[in-house]
């Protein structure tokens, strides 16, 4: 069987390669949010080594399958440049009020995408990993600046797409699930892959009266 040179092996990055990097990052970021915000019990997570960090990911089969399905669809849409943002919504199970919105805006460098493949140096790869490390570390540190979630919470994943995106029957339109009342926002570090740029932020429900 003849070996072939992929663009990545030749020091190039393509839409597919960039998409795989971003989607993989989203998977670890979502797992980190679910663990750090206590959406699921700690014993449902195990530690893996990734990006030079120790990251906690779920070992619950049902949650793994759900996240896997979402990420596969996300990848399909991103390969068509149809994704605008991914949002992780944390809500109260009792009141269904949104308590936190973790938003990741996705931008495509149209010129780079039109070129089919663009140069990616080893320095670019190192910078990319450091950017991912910084975002994961911010998620880990979120317990120090976000209000304590002292009630059972659930989560939802929202994907904002172009109107032209083909939506599977199993998926449904959703309201934005914005935070009602006062809220604050903390910016997260950005991730750039030459083709995609991801800007993150977390908004959380805030009231001086603690309401």
N, C-alpha and C. Protein backbone atom coordinates (compact mmCIF):
# COMPACT_ATOMS: atom_id res chain seq x y z
N UNK A 1 0.85 -1.20 0.00
CA UNK A 1 0.00 0.00 0.00
C UNK A 1 0.89 1.24 0.00
N UNK A 2 0.68 2.13 -0.96
CA UNK A 2 1.51 3.32 -1.10
C UNK A 2 1.14 4.37 -0.06
N UNK A 3 2.16 4.99 0.50
CA UNK A 3 1.93 6.07 1.47
C UNK A 3 1.72 7.37 0.71
N UNK A 4 0.85 8.21 1.24
CA UNK A 4 0.60 9.51 0.61
C UNK A 4 0.91 10.62 1.60
N UNK A 5 1.34 11.75 1.08
CA UNK A 5 1.64 12.90 1.91
C UNK A 5 0.36 13.72 2.12
N UNK A 6 -0.05 13.87 3.37
CA UNK A 6 -1.20 14.72 3.66
C UNK A 6 -0.73 16.17 3.75
N UNK A 7 -1.65 17.14 3.56
CA UNK A 7 -1.26 18.54 3.68
C UNK A 7 -0.62 18.84 5.03
N UNK A 8 -1.15 18.18 6.10
CA UNK A 8 -0.63 18.42 7.44
C UNK A 8 0.83 17.99 7.54
N UNK A 9 1.17 16.85 6.90
CA UNK A 9 2.55 16.36 6.93
C UNK A 9 3.49 17.27 6.14
N UNK A 10 2.91 18.03 5.22
CA UNK A 10 3.70 18.92 4.39
C UNK A 10 3.75 20.34 4.96
N UNK A 11 3.35 20.49 6.22
CA UNK A 11 3.41 21.80 6.85
C UNK A 11 2.30 22.73 6.42
N UNK A 12 1.14 22.15 6.05
CA UNK A 12 -0.01 22.94 5.65
C UNK A 12 -1.20 22.59 6.54
N UNK A 13 -2.17 23.50 6.61
CA UNK A 13 -3.41 23.21 7.32
C UNK A 13 -4.58 23.46 6.39
N UNK A 14 -5.55 22.56 6.42
CA UNK A 14 -6.73 22.63 5.56
C UNK A 14 -7.97 22.90 6.40
N UNK A 15 -9.09 23.13 5.73
CA UNK A 15 -10.35 23.31 6.45
C UNK A 15 -10.65 22.08 7.30
N UNK A 16 -10.41 20.89 6.74
CA UNK A 16 -10.67 19.66 7.49
C UNK A 16 -9.78 19.58 8.74
N UNK A 17 -8.50 19.85 8.56
CA UNK A 17 -7.58 19.78 9.70
C UNK A 17 -7.93 20.80 10.77
N UNK A 18 -8.27 22.01 10.35
CA UNK A 18 -8.64 23.05 11.30
C UNK A 18 -9.93 22.69 12.02
N UNK A 19 -10.90 22.16 11.26
CA UNK A 19 -12.17 21.75 11.85
C UNK A 19 -11.97 20.67 12.91
N UNK A 20 -11.13 19.69 12.60
CA UNK A 20 -10.86 18.61 13.56
C UNK A 20 -10.23 19.15 14.84
N UNK A 21 -9.32 20.11 14.69
CA UNK A 21 -8.68 20.72 15.85
C UNK A 21 -9.70 21.44 16.72
N UNK A 22 -10.56 22.24 16.09
CA UNK A 22 -11.54 23.03 16.83
C UNK A 22 -12.60 22.15 17.49
N UNK A 23 -13.10 21.16 16.76
CA UNK A 23 -14.13 20.28 17.31
C UNK A 23 -13.58 19.47 18.47
N UNK A 24 -12.35 18.98 18.34
CA UNK A 24 -11.73 18.24 19.44
C UNK A 24 -11.59 19.14 20.67
N UNK A 25 -11.16 20.38 20.45
CA UNK A 25 -11.06 21.34 21.55
C UNK A 25 -12.42 21.55 22.21
N UNK A 26 -13.48 21.71 21.41
CA UNK A 26 -14.82 21.90 21.97
C UNK A 26 -15.21 20.72 22.86
N UNK A 27 -14.86 19.51 22.44
CA UNK A 27 -15.20 18.34 23.24
C UNK A 27 -14.57 18.40 24.62
N UNK A 28 -13.29 18.74 24.68
CA UNK A 28 -12.60 18.84 25.98
C UNK A 28 -13.10 20.04 26.78
N UNK A 29 -13.41 21.14 26.10
CA UNK A 29 -13.91 22.33 26.80
C UNK A 29 -15.27 22.05 27.45
N UNK A 30 -16.16 21.38 26.70
CA UNK A 30 -17.49 21.05 27.25
C UNK A 30 -17.35 20.13 28.45
N UNK A 31 -16.51 19.11 28.35
CA UNK A 31 -16.30 18.21 29.48
C UNK A 31 -15.77 18.96 30.69
N UNK A 32 -14.85 19.87 30.46
CA UNK A 32 -14.27 20.66 31.56
C UNK A 32 -15.33 21.52 32.24
N UNK A 33 -16.20 22.13 31.44
CA UNK A 33 -17.27 22.97 31.99
C UNK A 33 -18.21 22.12 32.84
N UNK A 34 -18.60 20.96 32.32
CA UNK A 34 -19.53 20.08 33.06
C UNK A 34 -18.94 19.63 34.38
N UNK A 35 -17.63 19.36 34.38
CA UNK A 35 -16.98 18.93 35.63
C UNK A 35 -16.81 20.10 36.59
N UNK A 36 -16.21 21.19 36.12
CA UNK A 36 -15.90 22.31 37.00
C UNK A 36 -17.15 22.96 37.59
N UNK A 37 -18.26 22.96 36.85
CA UNK A 37 -19.48 23.58 37.34
C UNK A 37 -20.37 22.58 38.07
N UNK A 38 -19.90 21.36 38.24
CA UNK A 38 -20.62 20.38 39.06
C UNK A 38 -21.95 19.94 38.48
N UNK A 39 -22.06 19.93 37.15
CA UNK A 39 -23.32 19.51 36.52
C UNK A 39 -23.56 18.02 36.74
N UNK A 40 -22.46 17.27 36.81
CA UNK A 40 -22.52 15.84 37.08
C UNK A 40 -21.59 15.52 38.24
N UNK A 41 -21.83 14.42 38.97
CA UNK A 41 -20.96 14.05 40.09
C UNK A 41 -19.52 13.82 39.64
N UNK A 42 -18.55 14.17 40.47
CA UNK A 42 -17.13 14.02 40.12
C UNK A 42 -16.74 12.59 39.76
N UNK A 43 -17.44 11.60 40.36
CA UNK A 43 -17.05 10.20 40.10
C UNK A 43 -17.45 9.73 38.70
N UNK A 44 -18.14 10.58 37.94
CA UNK A 44 -18.48 10.24 36.56
C UNK A 44 -17.43 10.75 35.57
N UNK A 45 -16.31 11.24 36.11
CA UNK A 45 -15.24 11.77 35.27
C UNK A 45 -13.93 11.06 35.59
N UNK A 46 -13.07 11.01 34.56
CA UNK A 46 -11.74 10.47 34.76
C UNK A 46 -10.75 11.39 34.07
N UNK A 47 -9.51 11.35 34.52
CA UNK A 47 -8.49 12.27 34.02
C UNK A 47 -7.77 11.70 32.80
N UNK A 48 -7.58 12.55 31.79
CA UNK A 48 -6.81 12.18 30.61
C UNK A 48 -5.76 13.26 30.37
N UNK A 49 -4.70 12.89 29.70
CA UNK A 49 -3.64 13.84 29.38
C UNK A 49 -3.84 14.36 27.96
N UNK A 50 -3.99 15.67 27.83
CA UNK A 50 -4.20 16.29 26.52
C UNK A 50 -3.72 17.73 26.56
N UNK A 51 -3.13 18.19 25.49
CA UNK A 51 -2.62 19.57 25.39
C UNK A 51 -1.58 19.89 26.47
N UNK A 52 -0.92 18.86 26.97
CA UNK A 52 0.05 19.09 28.04
C UNK A 52 -0.62 19.35 29.38
N UNK A 53 -1.91 19.02 29.48
CA UNK A 53 -2.68 19.24 30.71
C UNK A 53 -3.35 17.94 31.14
N UNK A 54 -3.81 17.93 32.37
CA UNK A 54 -4.64 16.83 32.85
C UNK A 54 -6.08 17.34 32.81
N UNK A 55 -6.91 16.74 31.94
CA UNK A 55 -8.28 17.21 31.74
C UNK A 55 -9.26 16.12 32.15
N UNK A 56 -10.33 16.51 32.85
CA UNK A 56 -11.33 15.55 33.29
C UNK A 56 -12.42 15.42 32.24
N UNK A 57 -12.67 14.18 31.83
CA UNK A 57 -13.70 13.90 30.82
C UNK A 57 -14.67 12.86 31.38
N UNK A 58 -15.90 12.90 30.88
CA UNK A 58 -16.91 11.99 31.40
C UNK A 58 -16.63 10.54 31.00
N UNK A 59 -16.98 9.63 31.90
CA UNK A 59 -16.91 8.20 31.57
C UNK A 59 -18.32 7.60 31.55
N UNK A 60 -19.34 8.48 31.63
CA UNK A 60 -20.73 8.05 31.54
C UNK A 60 -21.07 7.75 30.08
N UNK A 61 -21.48 6.54 29.79
CA UNK A 61 -21.71 6.11 28.41
C UNK A 61 -22.77 6.95 27.71
N UNK A 62 -23.86 7.22 28.41
CA UNK A 62 -24.94 8.00 27.81
C UNK A 62 -24.50 9.40 27.44
N UNK A 63 -23.75 10.04 28.34
CA UNK A 63 -23.26 11.40 28.08
C UNK A 63 -22.21 11.38 26.97
N UNK A 64 -21.37 10.36 26.95
CA UNK A 64 -20.37 10.23 25.88
C UNK A 64 -21.05 10.14 24.51
N UNK A 65 -22.11 9.34 24.44
CA UNK A 65 -22.82 9.17 23.17
C UNK A 65 -23.48 10.48 22.74
N UNK A 66 -24.09 11.19 23.69
CA UNK A 66 -24.74 12.46 23.36
C UNK A 66 -23.73 13.48 22.86
N UNK A 67 -22.64 13.64 23.59
CA UNK A 67 -21.62 14.60 23.18
C UNK A 67 -21.01 14.20 21.83
N UNK A 68 -20.78 12.91 21.65
CA UNK A 68 -20.22 12.43 20.39
C UNK A 68 -21.12 12.76 19.21
N UNK A 69 -22.43 12.58 19.40
CA UNK A 69 -23.39 12.89 18.33
C UNK A 69 -23.38 14.38 18.00
N UNK A 70 -23.38 15.22 19.04
CA UNK A 70 -23.36 16.67 18.83
C UNK A 70 -22.08 17.10 18.10
N UNK A 71 -20.94 16.56 18.54
CA UNK A 71 -19.67 16.95 17.94
C UNK A 71 -19.55 16.47 16.49
N UNK A 72 -20.12 15.32 16.19
CA UNK A 72 -20.11 14.84 14.80
C UNK A 72 -20.92 15.76 13.90
N UNK A 73 -22.08 16.21 14.40
CA UNK A 73 -22.90 17.12 13.60
C UNK A 73 -22.23 18.49 13.49
N UNK A 74 -21.62 18.92 14.59
CA UNK A 74 -20.89 20.18 14.58
C UNK A 74 -19.78 20.15 13.52
N UNK A 75 -19.06 19.03 13.47
CA UNK A 75 -17.98 18.89 12.49
C UNK A 75 -18.53 18.95 11.06
N UNK A 76 -19.66 18.30 10.83
CA UNK A 76 -20.28 18.31 9.50
C UNK A 76 -20.62 19.73 9.07
N UNK A 77 -21.22 20.51 9.97
CA UNK A 77 -21.58 21.89 9.64
C UNK A 77 -20.33 22.76 9.45
N UNK A 78 -19.32 22.53 10.31
CA UNK A 78 -18.10 23.34 10.19
C UNK A 78 -17.36 23.06 8.89
N UNK A 79 -17.45 21.83 8.38
CA UNK A 79 -16.82 21.51 7.11
C UNK A 79 -17.48 22.26 5.95
N UNK A 80 -18.69 22.76 6.20
CA UNK A 80 -19.40 23.57 5.20
C UNK A 80 -19.36 25.05 5.57
N UNK A 81 -18.57 25.39 6.60
CA UNK A 81 -18.44 26.78 7.07
C UNK A 81 -19.79 27.37 7.45
N UNK A 82 -20.62 26.58 8.14
CA UNK A 82 -21.97 27.01 8.46
C UNK A 82 -22.20 27.26 9.96
N UNK A 83 -21.14 27.17 10.76
CA UNK A 83 -21.30 27.37 12.21
C UNK A 83 -20.87 28.78 12.61
N UNK A 84 -21.75 29.44 13.35
CA UNK A 84 -21.46 30.79 13.84
C UNK A 84 -21.02 30.79 15.30
N UNK A 85 -21.65 29.93 16.09
CA UNK A 85 -21.24 29.85 17.50
C UNK A 85 -21.76 28.59 18.16
N UNK A 86 -21.06 28.18 19.21
CA UNK A 86 -21.47 27.07 20.07
C UNK A 86 -21.71 27.66 21.45
N UNK A 87 -22.84 27.29 22.07
CA UNK A 87 -23.17 27.81 23.40
C UNK A 87 -23.48 26.65 24.34
N UNK A 88 -22.82 26.66 25.50
CA UNK A 88 -23.14 25.71 26.57
C UNK A 88 -24.00 26.45 27.59
N UNK A 89 -25.24 26.02 27.72
CA UNK A 89 -26.19 26.67 28.64
C UNK A 89 -26.29 25.85 29.92
N UNK A 90 -26.10 26.51 31.05
CA UNK A 90 -26.28 25.86 32.36
C UNK A 90 -27.53 26.46 32.99
N UNK A 91 -28.49 25.61 33.33
CA UNK A 91 -29.78 26.09 33.85
C UNK A 91 -30.17 25.37 35.13
N UNK A 92 -30.99 26.03 35.92
CA UNK A 92 -31.53 25.43 37.15
C UNK A 92 -32.52 24.34 36.78
N UNK A 93 -32.39 23.17 37.39
CA UNK A 93 -33.36 22.11 37.14
C UNK A 93 -34.72 22.46 37.72
N UNK A 94 -34.73 23.23 38.80
CA UNK A 94 -35.98 23.57 39.49
C UNK A 94 -36.77 24.62 38.74
N UNK A 95 -36.11 25.73 38.38
CA UNK A 95 -36.82 26.85 37.75
C UNK A 95 -36.64 26.91 36.23
N UNK A 96 -35.66 26.14 35.71
CA UNK A 96 -35.29 26.15 34.29
C UNK A 96 -34.71 27.49 33.85
N UNK A 97 -34.42 28.37 34.81
CA UNK A 97 -33.78 29.64 34.47
C UNK A 97 -32.32 29.42 34.09
N UNK A 98 -31.87 30.14 33.08
CA UNK A 98 -30.48 30.05 32.67
C UNK A 98 -29.59 30.76 33.68
N UNK A 99 -28.57 30.06 34.16
CA UNK A 99 -27.66 30.62 35.15
C UNK A 99 -26.33 31.02 34.52
N UNK A 100 -25.92 30.29 33.49
CA UNK A 100 -24.65 30.58 32.80
C UNK A 100 -24.79 30.28 31.31
N UNK A 101 -24.10 31.09 30.49
CA UNK A 101 -24.00 30.81 29.04
C UNK A 101 -22.53 30.91 28.66
N UNK A 102 -21.96 29.78 28.29
CA UNK A 102 -20.58 29.74 27.80
C UNK A 102 -20.66 29.82 26.28
N UNK A 103 -20.21 30.92 25.72
CA UNK A 103 -20.36 31.16 24.28
C UNK A 103 -19.00 31.12 23.57
N UNK A 104 -18.96 30.37 22.49
CA UNK A 104 -17.75 30.29 21.66
C UNK A 104 -18.11 30.71 20.24
N UNK A 105 -17.74 31.93 19.88
CA UNK A 105 -18.00 32.44 18.54
C UNK A 105 -16.98 31.87 17.56
N UNK A 106 -17.46 31.44 16.42
CA UNK A 106 -16.59 30.82 15.41
C UNK A 106 -16.54 31.71 14.16
N UNK A 107 -15.35 32.10 13.77
CA UNK A 107 -15.16 32.89 12.55
C UNK A 107 -14.24 32.11 11.60
N UNK A 108 -14.53 32.23 10.31
CA UNK A 108 -13.72 31.56 9.29
C UNK A 108 -12.95 32.62 8.50
N UNK A 109 -11.66 32.39 8.35
CA UNK A 109 -10.83 33.25 7.51
C UNK A 109 -11.11 32.85 6.06
N UNK A 110 -11.94 33.64 5.41
CA UNK A 110 -12.40 33.27 4.07
C UNK A 110 -11.25 33.14 3.07
N UNK A 111 -10.27 34.04 3.16
CA UNK A 111 -9.14 33.99 2.22
C UNK A 111 -8.34 32.71 2.41
N UNK A 112 -8.10 32.34 3.68
CA UNK A 112 -7.34 31.12 3.96
C UNK A 112 -8.12 29.89 3.51
N UNK A 113 -9.43 29.89 3.75
CA UNK A 113 -10.26 28.76 3.35
C UNK A 113 -10.31 28.61 1.83
N UNK A 114 -10.36 29.74 1.14
CA UNK A 114 -10.41 29.71 -0.32
C UNK A 114 -9.12 29.17 -0.92
N UNK A 115 -8.02 29.30 -0.16
CA UNK A 115 -6.71 28.81 -0.64
C UNK A 115 -6.59 27.29 -0.53
N UNK A 116 -7.60 26.65 0.07
CA UNK A 116 -7.65 25.19 0.27
C UNK A 116 -6.67 24.70 1.33
N UNK A 117 -5.45 25.22 1.33
CA UNK A 117 -4.47 24.86 2.35
C UNK A 117 -3.53 26.05 2.54
N UNK A 118 -3.19 26.32 3.79
CA UNK A 118 -2.29 27.43 4.09
C UNK A 118 -1.13 26.92 4.94
N UNK A 119 0.03 27.57 4.86
CA UNK A 119 1.20 27.11 5.62
C UNK A 119 0.94 27.13 7.13
N UNK A 120 1.43 26.12 7.82
CA UNK A 120 1.36 26.05 9.28
C UNK A 120 2.72 25.58 9.81
N UNK A 121 3.41 26.45 10.47
CA UNK A 121 4.74 26.12 10.99
C UNK A 121 4.63 25.42 12.34
N UNK A 122 5.74 24.89 12.80
CA UNK A 122 5.77 24.29 14.13
C UNK A 122 5.46 25.33 15.19
N UNK A 123 5.92 26.57 14.97
CA UNK A 123 5.63 27.66 15.90
C UNK A 123 4.12 27.93 15.97
N UNK A 124 3.43 27.80 14.82
CA UNK A 124 1.98 27.98 14.79
C UNK A 124 1.31 26.90 15.65
N UNK A 125 1.79 25.67 15.53
CA UNK A 125 1.21 24.57 16.30
C UNK A 125 1.43 24.76 17.80
N UNK A 126 2.62 25.24 18.16
CA UNK A 126 2.93 25.49 19.57
C UNK A 126 2.03 26.60 20.12
N UNK A 127 1.87 27.67 19.34
CA UNK A 127 1.01 28.78 19.76
C UNK A 127 -0.43 28.31 19.94
N UNK A 128 -0.89 27.50 18.98
CA UNK A 128 -2.24 26.96 19.02
C UNK A 128 -2.47 26.16 20.31
N UNK A 129 -1.51 25.30 20.65
CA UNK A 129 -1.65 24.50 21.88
C UNK A 129 -1.65 25.38 23.11
N UNK A 130 -0.82 26.42 23.12
CA UNK A 130 -0.78 27.32 24.27
C UNK A 130 -2.09 28.07 24.42
N UNK A 131 -2.72 28.43 23.31
CA UNK A 131 -4.02 29.11 23.37
C UNK A 131 -5.07 28.19 23.95
N UNK A 132 -5.06 26.92 23.52
CA UNK A 132 -6.02 25.95 24.05
C UNK A 132 -5.76 25.73 25.55
N UNK A 133 -4.49 25.61 25.93
CA UNK A 133 -4.15 25.45 27.35
C UNK A 133 -4.71 26.60 28.17
N UNK A 134 -4.56 27.84 27.65
CA UNK A 134 -5.01 29.02 28.38
C UNK A 134 -6.53 28.99 28.59
N UNK A 135 -7.28 28.57 27.57
CA UNK A 135 -8.75 28.52 27.68
C UNK A 135 -9.16 27.44 28.68
N UNK A 136 -8.56 26.25 28.57
CA UNK A 136 -8.90 25.16 29.51
C UNK A 136 -8.57 25.58 30.94
N UNK A 137 -7.45 26.27 31.12
CA UNK A 137 -7.07 26.73 32.46
C UNK A 137 -8.07 27.77 32.99
N UNK A 138 -8.58 28.62 32.09
CA UNK A 138 -9.59 29.59 32.51
C UNK A 138 -10.87 28.88 32.96
N UNK A 139 -11.25 27.83 32.23
CA UNK A 139 -12.43 27.06 32.62
C UNK A 139 -12.20 26.42 33.98
N UNK A 140 -11.01 25.86 34.18
CA UNK A 140 -10.67 25.24 35.47
C UNK A 140 -10.72 26.26 36.60
N UNK A 141 -10.27 27.48 36.31
CA UNK A 141 -10.24 28.54 37.33
C UNK A 141 -11.59 29.21 37.52
N UNK A 142 -12.60 28.83 36.72
CA UNK A 142 -13.89 29.52 36.78
C UNK A 142 -14.56 29.44 38.15
N UNK A 143 -14.23 28.41 38.91
CA UNK A 143 -14.83 28.28 40.25
C UNK A 143 -14.42 29.44 41.16
N UNK A 144 -13.35 30.15 40.78
CA UNK A 144 -12.89 31.24 41.63
C UNK A 144 -13.61 32.56 41.33
N UNK A 145 -14.25 32.68 40.16
CA UNK A 145 -14.91 33.94 39.86
C UNK A 145 -16.39 33.81 39.52
N UNK A 146 -16.88 32.59 39.31
CA UNK A 146 -18.31 32.42 39.03
C UNK A 146 -19.07 32.12 40.32
N UNK A 147 -20.32 32.56 40.42
CA UNK A 147 -21.12 32.27 41.61
C UNK A 147 -21.28 30.77 41.82
N UNK A 148 -21.37 30.37 43.07
CA UNK A 148 -21.56 28.96 43.40
C UNK A 148 -22.91 28.48 42.89
N UNK A 149 -22.89 27.35 42.21
CA UNK A 149 -24.15 26.73 41.77
C UNK A 149 -24.59 25.78 42.87
N UNK A 150 -25.42 26.28 43.78
CA UNK A 150 -25.80 25.50 44.96
C UNK A 150 -27.16 24.82 44.80
N UNK A 151 -27.50 24.49 43.56
CA UNK A 151 -28.74 23.77 43.27
C UNK A 151 -28.49 22.84 42.10
N UNK A 152 -29.31 21.78 41.96
CA UNK A 152 -29.12 20.87 40.82
C UNK A 152 -29.29 21.62 39.50
N UNK A 153 -28.35 21.39 38.59
CA UNK A 153 -28.39 22.08 37.30
C UNK A 153 -28.33 21.08 36.14
N UNK A 154 -28.83 21.53 35.01
CA UNK A 154 -28.75 20.75 33.78
C UNK A 154 -28.02 21.59 32.75
N UNK A 155 -27.68 20.99 31.62
CA UNK A 155 -27.01 21.76 30.58
C UNK A 155 -27.64 21.48 29.23
N UNK A 156 -27.43 22.40 28.31
CA UNK A 156 -27.91 22.23 26.96
C UNK A 156 -26.84 22.78 26.01
N UNK A 157 -26.77 22.24 24.82
CA UNK A 157 -25.82 22.72 23.82
C UNK A 157 -26.59 23.34 22.66
N UNK A 158 -26.27 24.59 22.35
CA UNK A 158 -26.90 25.29 21.24
C UNK A 158 -25.84 25.54 20.17
N UNK A 159 -26.18 25.29 18.93
CA UNK A 159 -25.27 25.57 17.82
C UNK A 159 -25.98 26.54 16.87
N UNK A 160 -25.38 27.70 16.70
CA UNK A 160 -25.92 28.70 15.78
C UNK A 160 -25.32 28.44 14.40
N UNK A 161 -26.19 28.25 13.41
CA UNK A 161 -25.73 27.95 12.05
C UNK A 161 -26.31 28.93 11.03
N UNK A 162 -25.77 28.88 9.83
CA UNK A 162 -26.37 29.62 8.71
C UNK A 162 -27.75 29.05 8.44
N UNK A 163 -28.60 29.87 7.84
CA UNK A 163 -29.95 29.40 7.50
C UNK A 163 -29.91 28.27 6.48
N UNK A 164 -28.85 28.21 5.71
CA UNK A 164 -28.75 27.19 4.67
C UNK A 164 -28.36 25.82 5.21
N UNK A 165 -27.98 25.76 6.49
CA UNK A 165 -27.52 24.49 7.07
C UNK A 165 -28.62 23.43 7.06
N UNK A 166 -28.25 22.22 6.71
CA UNK A 166 -29.18 21.09 6.70
C UNK A 166 -29.30 20.56 8.13
N UNK A 167 -30.49 20.69 8.72
CA UNK A 167 -30.69 20.29 10.12
C UNK A 167 -31.34 18.91 10.19
N UNK A 168 -30.70 17.94 10.86
CA UNK A 168 -31.27 16.60 10.99
C UNK A 168 -32.62 16.63 11.71
N UNK A 169 -33.47 15.64 11.42
CA UNK A 169 -34.80 15.59 12.03
C UNK A 169 -34.74 15.51 13.55
N UNK A 170 -33.70 14.86 14.08
CA UNK A 170 -33.59 14.69 15.53
C UNK A 170 -33.28 16.00 16.24
N UNK A 171 -32.88 17.01 15.49
CA UNK A 171 -32.54 18.31 16.08
C UNK A 171 -33.74 19.23 16.00
N UNK A 172 -33.82 20.15 16.95
CA UNK A 172 -34.95 21.07 17.00
C UNK A 172 -34.48 22.51 17.17
N UNK A 173 -35.30 23.44 16.68
CA UNK A 173 -35.02 24.86 16.89
C UNK A 173 -35.16 25.15 18.38
N UNK A 174 -34.36 26.07 18.88
CA UNK A 174 -34.39 26.40 20.31
C UNK A 174 -34.36 27.91 20.48
N UNK A 175 -34.93 28.37 21.58
CA UNK A 175 -34.78 29.79 21.90
C UNK A 175 -33.34 29.97 22.42
N UNK A 176 -32.84 31.21 22.45
CA UNK A 176 -31.44 31.44 22.82
C UNK A 176 -31.10 31.12 24.28
N UNK A 177 -32.15 31.01 25.11
CA UNK A 177 -31.95 30.72 26.54
C UNK A 177 -31.01 31.75 27.19
N UNK A 178 -31.35 33.02 26.94
CA UNK A 178 -30.57 34.10 27.53
C UNK A 178 -30.79 34.15 29.03
N UNK A 179 -29.88 34.79 29.72
CA UNK A 179 -30.01 34.99 31.17
C UNK A 179 -31.01 36.12 31.41
N UNK A 180 -32.00 35.88 32.23
CA UNK A 180 -33.01 36.88 32.56
C UNK A 180 -32.56 37.66 33.79
N UNK A 181 -32.63 38.99 33.72
CA UNK A 181 -32.19 39.81 34.85
C UNK A 181 -30.74 40.23 34.68
N UNK A 182 -30.12 40.62 35.77
CA UNK A 182 -28.74 41.10 35.72
C UNK A 182 -27.76 39.99 35.40
N UNK A 183 -26.74 40.32 34.62
CA UNK A 183 -25.71 39.34 34.31
C UNK A 183 -24.37 40.03 34.13
N UNK A 184 -23.32 39.27 34.31
CA UNK A 184 -21.95 39.74 34.09
C UNK A 184 -21.31 38.82 33.07
N UNK A 185 -20.26 39.31 32.41
CA UNK A 185 -19.57 38.49 31.41
C UNK A 185 -18.07 38.55 31.61
N UNK A 186 -17.43 37.40 31.46
CA UNK A 186 -15.97 37.30 31.52
C UNK A 186 -15.47 36.76 30.19
N UNK A 187 -14.55 37.46 29.57
CA UNK A 187 -13.99 37.02 28.30
C UNK A 187 -13.00 35.88 28.54
N UNK A 188 -12.98 34.95 27.60
CA UNK A 188 -11.99 33.88 27.62
C UNK A 188 -10.95 34.15 26.53
N UNK A 189 -9.83 33.46 26.59
CA UNK A 189 -8.80 33.62 25.58
C UNK A 189 -9.31 33.13 24.23
N UNK A 190 -8.67 33.56 23.16
CA UNK A 190 -9.05 33.16 21.81
C UNK A 190 -8.18 32.02 21.31
N UNK A 191 -8.72 31.27 20.35
CA UNK A 191 -7.98 30.20 19.68
C UNK A 191 -7.98 30.49 18.18
N UNK A 192 -6.81 30.47 17.57
CA UNK A 192 -6.71 30.71 16.13
C UNK A 192 -5.93 29.58 15.46
N UNK A 193 -6.49 29.06 14.38
CA UNK A 193 -5.84 27.95 13.66
C UNK A 193 -5.39 28.34 12.26
N UNK A 194 -5.35 29.60 11.92
CA UNK A 194 -5.08 30.11 10.57
C UNK A 194 -6.35 30.13 9.72
N UNK A 195 -7.24 29.14 9.93
CA UNK A 195 -8.49 29.10 9.17
C UNK A 195 -9.68 29.48 10.05
N UNK A 196 -9.68 29.02 11.31
CA UNK A 196 -10.74 29.36 12.24
C UNK A 196 -10.21 30.25 13.38
N UNK A 197 -11.10 31.11 13.87
CA UNK A 197 -10.83 31.84 15.10
C UNK A 197 -12.01 31.63 16.03
N UNK A 198 -11.72 31.25 17.27
CA UNK A 198 -12.76 31.00 18.27
C UNK A 198 -12.57 31.99 19.42
N UNK A 199 -13.60 32.80 19.66
CA UNK A 199 -13.59 33.75 20.78
C UNK A 199 -14.59 33.29 21.83
N UNK A 200 -14.11 33.08 23.05
CA UNK A 200 -14.97 32.57 24.10
C UNK A 200 -15.31 33.60 25.16
N UNK A 201 -16.44 33.37 25.83
CA UNK A 201 -16.86 34.22 26.95
C UNK A 201 -17.87 33.43 27.78
N UNK A 202 -17.94 33.75 29.06
CA UNK A 202 -18.96 33.15 29.91
C UNK A 202 -19.76 34.27 30.57
N UNK A 203 -21.08 34.20 30.40
CA UNK A 203 -21.98 35.16 31.05
C UNK A 203 -22.68 34.41 32.19
N UNK A 204 -22.85 35.10 33.31
CA UNK A 204 -23.49 34.43 34.45
C UNK A 204 -24.50 35.36 35.11
N UNK A 205 -25.52 34.75 35.69
CA UNK A 205 -26.58 35.50 36.35
C UNK A 205 -25.99 36.19 37.58
N UNK A 206 -26.34 37.47 37.70
CA UNK A 206 -25.75 38.26 38.78
C UNK A 206 -26.78 39.20 39.38
N UNK A 207 -26.83 39.25 40.69
CA UNK A 207 -27.70 40.20 41.38
C UNK A 207 -27.03 40.62 42.66
N UNK A 208 -26.98 41.92 42.89
CA UNK A 208 -26.37 42.42 44.13
C UNK A 208 -27.13 41.97 45.36
N UNK A 209 -28.41 41.66 45.16
CA UNK A 209 -29.23 41.20 46.28
C UNK A 209 -29.14 39.70 46.46
N UNK A 210 -28.40 39.04 45.51
CA UNK A 210 -28.25 37.59 45.60
C UNK A 210 -29.47 36.84 45.16
N UNK A 211 -30.38 37.56 44.45
CA UNK A 211 -31.63 36.94 44.02
C UNK A 211 -31.39 36.00 42.85
